[in-house]
């Protein structure tokens, strides 16, 4: 919450859509939760399925690659994240 309140005014200064910023921010957060050394989701999944964190990380690599690809598309083509919002409200 603290970081978002700092980033939003800067993004608005660069004319970045707040919806686009929020979606990119959440996608980055999920990638952060899935990567070591602070990947909370890795520790939770390892505990829940009684597997070592390293095994869970290796098994989640294809999904991390998909998330990174999606993040790159969302970041460089903002129309993907703002199309429906613009269609509904404009």
Protein backbone atom coordinates (compact mmCIF):
# COMPACT_ATOMS: atom_id res chain seq x y z
CA UNK A 1 0.00 0.00 0.00
CA UNK A 2 2.84 2.40 0.75
CA UNK A 3 4.61 1.76 -2.55
CA UNK A 4 1.42 2.12 -4.59
CA UNK A 5 0.70 5.52 -3.08
CA UNK A 6 4.14 6.65 -4.21
CA UNK A 7 4.02 5.07 -7.68
CA UNK A 8 0.53 6.22 -8.75
CA UNK A 9 1.24 10.00 -8.84
CA UNK A 10 4.46 9.37 -10.78
CA UNK A 11 2.62 7.11 -13.25
CA UNK A 12 -0.14 9.68 -13.68
CA UNK A 13 2.57 12.23 -14.50
CA UNK A 14 3.67 9.97 -17.36
CA UNK A 15 0.05 9.44 -18.50
CA UNK A 16 -0.07 5.75 -17.56
CA UNK A 17 -3.59 4.39 -17.11
CA UNK A 18 -4.23 3.49 -13.43
CA UNK A 19 -6.00 0.25 -14.44
CA UNK A 20 -3.00 -0.78 -16.52
CA UNK A 21 -0.64 0.13 -13.68
CA UNK A 22 -2.67 -1.93 -11.20
CA UNK A 23 -2.72 -5.02 -13.42
CA UNK A 24 1.01 -4.82 -14.13
CA UNK A 25 1.68 -4.26 -10.42
CA UNK A 26 -0.36 -7.34 -9.42
CA UNK A 27 1.28 -9.49 -12.09
CA UNK A 28 4.70 -8.44 -10.78
CA UNK A 29 3.63 -9.24 -7.22
CA UNK A 30 2.52 -12.74 -8.18
CA UNK A 31 5.82 -13.41 -9.93
CA UNK A 32 7.57 -12.20 -6.78
CA UNK A 33 5.50 -14.59 -4.65
CA UNK A 34 6.58 -17.49 -6.87
CA UNK A 35 10.32 -16.86 -7.01
CA UNK A 36 12.98 -17.52 -4.36
CA UNK A 37 14.30 -16.45 -1.91
CA UNK A 38 11.19 -14.73 -0.57
CA UNK A 39 8.52 -16.61 -2.52
CA UNK A 40 5.77 -16.94 0.07
CA UNK A 41 3.65 -19.09 -2.25
CA UNK A 42 6.55 -21.53 -2.61
CA UNK A 43 6.83 -21.98 1.14
CA UNK A 44 3.07 -22.39 1.52
CA UNK A 45 2.86 -24.95 -1.29
CA UNK A 46 5.88 -26.84 0.04
CA UNK A 47 4.33 -27.02 3.48
CA UNK A 48 0.88 -27.96 2.20
CA UNK A 49 2.07 -30.71 -0.14
CA UNK A 50 4.97 -31.82 2.10
CA UNK A 51 7.56 -31.23 -0.62
CA UNK A 52 10.86 -29.32 -0.41
CA UNK A 53 10.74 -25.73 -1.61
CA UNK A 54 13.35 -26.45 -4.30
CA UNK A 55 11.12 -29.17 -5.81
CA UNK A 56 8.09 -26.87 -5.75
CA UNK A 57 10.11 -24.14 -7.45
CA UNK A 58 11.33 -26.44 -10.22
CA UNK A 59 7.78 -27.69 -10.77
CA UNK A 60 6.46 -24.12 -10.95
CA UNK A 61 9.04 -22.91 -13.52
CA UNK A 62 6.75 -23.44 -16.56
CA UNK A 63 4.09 -21.32 -14.89
CA UNK A 64 6.61 -18.61 -14.03
CA UNK A 65 7.67 -18.51 -17.69
CA UNK A 66 4.01 -18.14 -18.72
CA UNK A 67 3.56 -15.35 -16.17
CA UNK A 68 6.69 -13.55 -17.41
CA UNK A 69 5.49 -13.80 -21.00
CA UNK A 70 2.08 -12.45 -20.01
CA UNK A 71 3.69 -9.65 -18.03
CA UNK A 72 5.82 -8.64 -21.02
CA UNK A 73 2.73 -8.56 -23.24
CA UNK A 74 0.75 -6.56 -20.67
CA UNK A 75 3.56 -4.11 -20.12
CA UNK A 76 4.28 -3.35 -23.77
CA UNK A 77 0.70 -3.59 -25.07
CA UNK A 78 -1.51 -1.76 -22.55
CA UNK A 79 -4.56 -2.24 -24.78
CA UNK A 80 -4.70 -5.84 -23.50
CA UNK A 81 -5.44 -4.69 -19.95
CA UNK A 82 -7.52 -1.62 -20.74
CA UNK A 83 -9.68 -2.70 -23.68
CA UNK A 84 -12.72 -3.90 -21.71
CA UNK A 85 -12.59 -1.01 -19.26
CA UNK A 86 -12.47 1.50 -22.09
CA UNK A 87 -15.28 -0.33 -23.93
CA UNK A 88 -17.55 -0.24 -20.86
CA UNK A 89 -16.88 3.28 -19.58
CA UNK A 90 -16.35 5.21 -22.83
